[in-house]
Amino acid sequence: MILGALAVGAAAGGFPDLHVYRYGGDAVLHQERLYATDDPVTGYPFTFPWCPDHRAELVESRAIGDVALLRYALSERFEG
């Protein structure tokens, strides 16, 4: 079934959303504003379920050595 879905997606013009996420990842790595520009290949804006207008709730933060662990509740179903 997965191979069939890949074949249909490729035949229908590829997977343009992947360009957006690759561009978004590149923007994060280069410390650029993620939501400020659109993907230059497809023209699509970077969207993600959690954005400035729909924020995830921070439910825990703690230090683990030199690293900060942040846990977010991504839906109302979260049970801490």
C-alpha atoms as a PDB file:
ATOM      1  CA  MET A   1       0.000   0.000   0.000  1.00  0.00           C
ATOM      2  CA  ILE A   2       2.830   2.426   0.802  1.00  0.00           C
ATOM      3  CA  LEU A   3       4.546   1.784  -2.506  1.00  0.00           C
ATOM      4  CA  GLY A   4       1.243   2.373  -4.276  1.00  0.00           C
ATOM      5  CA  ALA A   5       0.797   5.710  -2.509  1.00  0.00           C
ATOM      6  CA  LEU A   6       4.329   6.732  -3.450  1.00  0.00           C
ATOM      7  CA  ALA A   7       3.716   5.823  -7.089  1.00  0.00           C
ATOM      8  CA  VAL A   8       0.461   7.787  -7.199  1.00  0.00           C
ATOM      9  CA  GLY A   9       2.088  10.811  -5.533  1.00  0.00           C
ATOM     10  CA  ALA A  10       5.009  10.760  -7.936  1.00  0.00           C
ATOM     11  CA  ALA A  11       2.699  10.421 -10.945  1.00  0.00           C
ATOM     12  CA  ALA A  12       0.537  13.313  -9.711  1.00  0.00           C
ATOM     13  CA  GLY A  13       3.440  15.762  -9.738  1.00  0.00           C
ATOM     14  CA  GLY A  14       5.625  14.794  -6.837  1.00  0.00           C
ATOM     15  CA  PHE A  15       5.456  15.834  -3.216  1.00  0.00           C
ATOM     16  CA  PRO A  16       5.664  19.641  -3.174  1.00  0.00           C
ATOM     17  CA  ASP A  17       5.038  19.871   0.572  1.00  0.00           C
ATOM     18  CA  LEU A  18       8.396  18.211   1.189  1.00  0.00           C
ATOM     19  CA  HIS A  19      10.127  21.245  -0.324  1.00  0.00           C
ATOM     20  CA  VAL A  20       8.406  23.461   2.235  1.00  0.00           C
ATOM     21  CA  TYR A  21       9.607  21.369   5.173  1.00  0.00           C
ATOM     22  CA  ARG A  22      13.134  21.163   3.773  1.00  0.00           C
ATOM     23  CA  TYR A  23      13.144  24.950   3.383  1.00  0.00           C
ATOM     24  CA  GLY A  24      11.760  25.325   6.913  1.00  0.00           C
ATOM     25  CA  GLY A  25      14.496  23.099   8.330  1.00  0.00           C
ATOM     26  CA  ASP A  26      17.127  25.106   6.490  1.00  0.00           C
ATOM     27  CA  ALA A  27      15.661  28.334   7.880  1.00  0.00           C
ATOM     28  CA  VAL A  28      15.862  26.968  11.430  1.00  0.00           C
ATOM     29  CA  LEU A  29      19.479  25.873  10.947  1.00  0.00           C
ATOM     30  CA  HIS A  30      20.415  29.337   9.689  1.00  0.00           C
ATOM     31  CA  GLN A  31      18.460  31.079  12.484  1.00  0.00           C
ATOM     32  CA  GLU A  32      16.095  32.752  10.050  1.00  0.00           C
ATOM     33  CA  ARG A  33      12.444  33.539  10.727  1.00  0.00           C
ATOM     34  CA  LEU A  34      10.512  30.412   9.845  1.00  0.00           C
ATOM     35  CA  TYR A  35       7.125  31.972   9.174  1.00  0.00           C
ATOM     36  CA  ALA A  36       8.372  35.168   7.491  1.00  0.00           C
ATOM     37  CA  THR A  37       8.914  33.858   3.955  1.00  0.00           C
ATOM     38  CA  ASP A  38       7.448  31.294   1.590  1.00  0.00           C
ATOM     39  CA  ASP A  39       9.313  28.365   0.063  1.00  0.00           C
ATOM     40  CA  PRO A  40      11.067  29.692  -3.071  1.00  0.00           C
ATOM     41  CA  VAL A  41      10.540  26.418  -4.978  1.00  0.00           C
ATOM     42  CA  THR A  42       6.790  25.969  -4.491  1.00  0.00           C
ATOM     43  CA  GLY A  43       5.702  29.353  -3.145  1.00  0.00           C
ATOM     44  CA  TYR A  44       3.923  27.599  -0.274  1.00  0.00           C
ATOM     45  CA  PRO A  45       4.091  29.129   3.207  1.00  0.00           C
ATOM     46  CA  PHE A  46       5.608  27.074   6.004  1.00  0.00           C
ATOM     47  CA  THR A  47       2.765  25.854   8.196  1.00  0.00           C
ATOM     48  CA  PHE A  48       2.817  23.625  11.184  1.00  0.00           C
ATOM     49  CA  PRO A  49      -0.006  22.670  13.519  1.00  0.00           C
ATOM     50  CA  TRP A  50       1.609  24.708  16.295  1.00  0.00           C
ATOM     51  CA  CYS A  51       2.437  28.264  15.323  1.00  0.00           C
ATOM     52  CA  PRO A  52       2.241  31.734  16.894  1.00  0.00           C
ATOM     53  CA  ASP A  53      -1.550  31.701  16.476  1.00  0.00           C
ATOM     54  CA  HIS A  54      -1.979  28.139  17.808  1.00  0.00           C
ATOM     55  CA  ARG A  55       0.592  27.544  20.501  1.00  0.00           C
ATOM     56  CA  ALA A  56       1.422  24.280  22.226  1.00  0.00           C
ATOM     57  CA  GLU A  57       1.324  24.426  26.028  1.00  0.00           C
ATOM     58  CA  LEU A  58       4.661  24.048  27.822  1.00  0.00           C
ATOM     59  CA  VAL A  59       4.071  21.480  30.574  1.00  0.00           C
ATOM     60  CA  GLU A  60       7.587  20.744  31.812  1.00  0.00           C
ATOM     61  CA  SER A  61      11.109  22.055  31.558  1.00  0.00           C
ATOM     62  CA  ARG A  62      14.218  20.676  33.220  1.00  0.00           C
ATOM     63  CA  ALA A  63      17.960  20.672  32.820  1.00  0.00           C
ATOM     64  CA  ILE A  64      19.751  17.465  31.879  1.00  0.00           C
ATOM     65  CA  GLY A  65      23.409  18.341  32.107  1.00  0.00           C
ATOM     66  CA  ASP A  66      24.002  21.120  29.577  1.00  0.00           C
ATOM     67  CA  VAL A  67      20.729  20.433  27.738  1.00  0.00           C
ATOM     68  CA  ALA A  68      17.252  21.820  28.420  1.00  0.00           C
ATOM     69  CA  LEU A  69      14.358  19.379  28.046  1.00  0.00           C
ATOM     70  CA  LEU A  70      11.059  21.014  27.101  1.00  0.00           C
ATOM     71  CA  ARG A  71       7.820  18.998  27.069  1.00  0.00           C
ATOM     72  CA  TYR A  72       4.754  20.376  25.362  1.00  0.00           C
ATOM     73  CA  ALA A  73       1.105  19.324  25.423  1.00  0.00           C
ATOM     74  CA  LEU A  74       0.218  19.157  21.750  1.00  0.00           C
ATOM     75  CA  SER A  75      -3.504  18.589  22.255  1.00  0.00           C
ATOM     76  CA  GLU A  76      -6.214  18.745  24.889  1.00  0.00           C
ATOM     77  CA  ARG A  77      -5.783  14.978  25.373  1.00  0.00           C
ATOM     78  CA  PHE A  78      -2.500  15.476  27.262  1.00  0.00           C
ATOM     79  CA  GLU A  79      -2.474  13.851  30.683  1.00  0.00           C
ATOM     80  CA  GLY A  80       0.528  14.977  32.669  1.00  0.00           C
END
